């Protein structure tokens, strides 16, 4: 009995994937719908900005999903649909920007930063390993240290008796 109750609670409380595609947007042909969903997953919602139009409930995302489906039904290829949306909204609409001259810095920055950090860390470790821990004590410093140690031992011996 407890196992069934636990299973029911688990199923009710487990997160289910929620897509924003409305039933009236779904195409009758499963192949075309699969293409539309794949394209929608690549396009950024201009309102939400970190969600695809497939996941967003915004009106603009709905309009873009309908536009994608209209273009697919009219016979456009996947690349033609993407190019059409990019021509209207710019490269920012792509969740994964294309590799071009303008986006080269975007794609290369993580590699450059990683290599720069690795080189800086190697230089830091090499310089640190080459340094001496400290200079040896002078005769005056040794005498002062011995005086302090002797004084603390005398206090310790006097306090115990």
Protein backbone atom coordinates (compact mmCIF):
# COMPACT_ATOMS: atom_id res chain seq x y z
CA UNK A 1 0.00 0.00 0.00
CA UNK A 2 2.81 2.39 0.97
CA UNK A 3 4.72 1.59 -2.23
CA UNK A 4 1.71 2.47 -4.40
CA UNK A 5 1.15 5.73 -2.53
CA UNK A 6 4.84 6.61 -2.90
CA UNK A 7 4.72 5.84 -6.63
CA UNK A 8 1.61 8.00 -7.11
CA UNK A 9 3.19 10.89 -5.19
CA UNK A 10 6.41 10.55 -7.18
CA UNK A 11 4.57 10.67 -10.50
CA UNK A 12 2.46 13.65 -9.43
CA UNK A 13 5.39 15.64 -8.09
CA UNK A 14 7.99 14.80 -10.72
CA UNK A 15 8.60 17.58 -13.22
CA UNK A 16 7.27 16.82 -16.66
CA UNK A 17 8.67 18.59 -19.71
CA UNK A 18 6.39 21.47 -20.52
CA UNK A 19 6.57 22.88 -24.01
CA UNK A 20 4.84 26.06 -24.97
CA UNK A 21 3.59 24.76 -28.31
CA UNK A 22 -0.17 25.07 -28.40
CA UNK A 23 -2.27 22.30 -29.93
CA UNK A 24 -3.58 24.66 -32.63
CA UNK A 25 0.01 25.23 -33.82
CA UNK A 26 0.87 21.55 -34.32
CA UNK A 27 1.14 20.45 -37.94
CA UNK A 28 -0.83 17.42 -39.13
CA UNK A 29 2.21 15.81 -40.78
CA UNK A 30 4.48 14.35 -38.03
CA UNK A 31 7.60 14.73 -40.19
CA UNK A 32 6.94 18.44 -40.78
CA UNK A 33 6.11 18.93 -37.10
CA UNK A 34 9.40 17.29 -36.10
CA UNK A 35 11.26 19.68 -38.42
CA UNK A 36 9.35 22.64 -36.97
CA UNK A 37 10.18 21.56 -33.40
CA UNK A 38 13.86 21.11 -34.27
CA UNK A 39 14.01 24.58 -35.84
CA UNK A 40 12.07 26.15 -32.96
CA UNK A 41 14.59 24.73 -30.50
CA UNK A 42 17.38 26.63 -32.32
CA UNK A 43 15.68 30.03 -32.24
CA UNK A 44 15.85 32.40 -29.26
CA UNK A 45 12.74 34.01 -27.84
CA UNK A 46 13.36 37.73 -28.20
CA UNK A 47 11.31 38.41 -25.05
CA UNK A 48 12.68 35.70 -22.73
CA UNK A 49 16.16 35.74 -24.33
CA UNK A 50 17.47 32.55 -22.71
CA UNK A 51 14.70 30.27 -23.89
CA UNK A 52 13.99 28.85 -27.27
CA UNK A 53 10.73 29.80 -28.95
CA UNK A 54 9.73 26.16 -28.45
CA UNK A 55 9.85 26.64 -24.65
CA UNK A 56 8.53 30.19 -24.38
CA UNK A 57 4.94 31.25 -23.74
CA UNK A 58 5.49 34.81 -25.02
CA UNK A 59 3.29 36.08 -27.85
CA UNK A 60 6.30 36.87 -30.02
CA UNK A 61 7.56 33.30 -29.56
CA UNK A 62 4.14 31.99 -30.60
CA UNK A 63 4.22 34.21 -33.68
CA UNK A 64 7.69 32.91 -34.56
CA UNK A 65 6.58 29.28 -34.11
CA UNK A 66 3.64 29.92 -36.45
CA UNK A 67 5.96 31.66 -38.93
CA UNK A 68 8.37 28.70 -38.88
CA UNK A 69 5.52 26.28 -39.52
CA UNK A 70 4.13 28.41 -42.34
CA UNK A 71 7.53 28.52 -44.04
CA UNK A 72 7.95 24.74 -43.68
CA UNK A 73 4.49 24.06 -45.10
CA UNK A 74 5.24 26.39 -48.03
CA UNK A 75 8.20 24.15 -48.90
CA UNK A 76 11.20 26.07 -47.50
CA UNK A 77 14.24 24.08 -46.43
CA UNK A 78 15.44 24.25 -42.84
CA UNK A 79 18.29 26.55 -43.84
CA UNK A 80 15.90 28.83 -45.75
CA UNK A 81 13.61 29.11 -42.72
CA UNK A 82 16.55 29.97 -40.44
CA UNK A 83 17.89 32.49 -42.97
CA UNK A 84 14.46 34.13 -43.24
CA UNK A 85 14.10 34.51 -39.46
CA UNK A 86 17.70 35.79 -39.15
CA UNK A 87 17.08 38.33 -41.93
CA UNK A 88 14.14 39.72 -39.94
CA UNK A 89 15.55 39.57 -36.39
CA UNK A 90 19.34 39.40 -36.80
CA UNK A 91 21.91 36.82 -35.68
CA UNK A 92 20.85 37.32 -32.05
CA UNK A 93 17.77 35.18 -32.71
CA UNK A 94 20.00 32.10 -33.02
CA UNK A 95 20.67 30.30 -29.74
CA UNK A 96 23.88 28.91 -31.26
CA UNK A 97 25.48 31.68 -33.36
CA UNK A 98 27.02 30.80 -36.69
CA UNK A 99 30.81 30.79 -37.03
CA UNK A 100 31.57 33.97 -38.96
CA UNK A 101 34.01 36.85 -38.78
CA UNK A 102 31.67 38.78 -36.48
CA UNK A 103 31.24 35.85 -34.10
CA UNK A 104 34.84 34.63 -34.17
CA UNK A 105 35.61 36.48 -30.93
CA UNK A 106 32.54 34.93 -29.32
CA UNK A 107 33.64 31.41 -30.26
CA UNK A 108 37.36 31.96 -29.61
CA UNK A 109 37.20 33.90 -26.34
CA UNK A 110 36.78 30.85 -24.06
CA UNK A 111 39.79 29.14 -25.63
CA UNK A 112 41.94 32.28 -25.43
CA UNK A 113 40.93 32.92 -21.81
CA UNK A 114 41.62 29.31 -20.82
CA UNK A 115 45.05 29.28 -22.45
CA UNK A 116 45.91 32.70 -20.97
CA UNK A 117 44.93 31.51 -17.49
CA UNK A 118 46.95 28.30 -17.87
CA UNK A 119 50.05 30.23 -18.99
CA UNK A 120 49.66 32.75 -16.15
CA UNK A 121 49.32 29.93 -13.63
CA UNK A 122 52.43 28.15 -14.96
CA UNK A 123 54.45 31.39 -14.77
CA UNK A 124 53.23 32.05 -11.24
CA UNK A 125 54.14 28.54 -10.08
CA UNK A 126 57.59 28.69 -11.69
CA UNK A 127 58.39 32.07 -10.15
CA UNK A 128 57.16 30.93 -6.76
CA UNK A 129 59.22 27.73 -6.90
CA UNK A 130 62.39 29.69 -7.77
CA UNK A 131 62.12 32.06 -4.79
CA UNK A 132 63.83 31.29 -1.52
CA UNK A 133 61.50 30.84 1.43
CA UNK A 134 63.25 33.54 3.41
CA UNK A 135 66.63 35.04 4.14
CA UNK A 136 68.67 33.54 6.98
CA UNK A 137 68.59 35.36 10.32
CA UNK A 138 71.34 37.79 11.15
CA UNK A 139 73.42 37.36 14.31
CA UNK A 140 71.42 40.10 16.06
CA UNK A 141 68.10 38.47 15.14
CA UNK A 142 69.34 35.07 16.39
CA UNK A 143 70.40 36.58 19.70
CA UNK A 144 67.07 38.37 20.11
CA UNK A 145 65.17 35.17 19.31
CA UNK A 146 67.22 33.13 21.78
CA UNK A 147 66.55 35.76 24.46
CA UNK A 148 62.78 35.57 23.82
CA UNK A 149 62.79 31.76 23.90
CA UNK A 150 64.87 31.70 27.10
CA UNK A 151 62.53 34.23 28.72
CA UNK A 152 59.42 32.23 27.85
CA UNK A 153 61.01 29.01 29.16
CA UNK A 154 61.89 30.75 32.41
CA UNK A 155 58.29 31.97 32.80
CA UNK A 156 56.99 28.48 32.05
CA UNK A 157 59.33 26.89 34.60
CA UNK A 158 58.50 29.51 37.24
CA UNK A 159 54.72 29.16 36.77
CA UNK A 160 54.76 25.36 37.20
CA UNK A 161 56.26 25.32 40.69
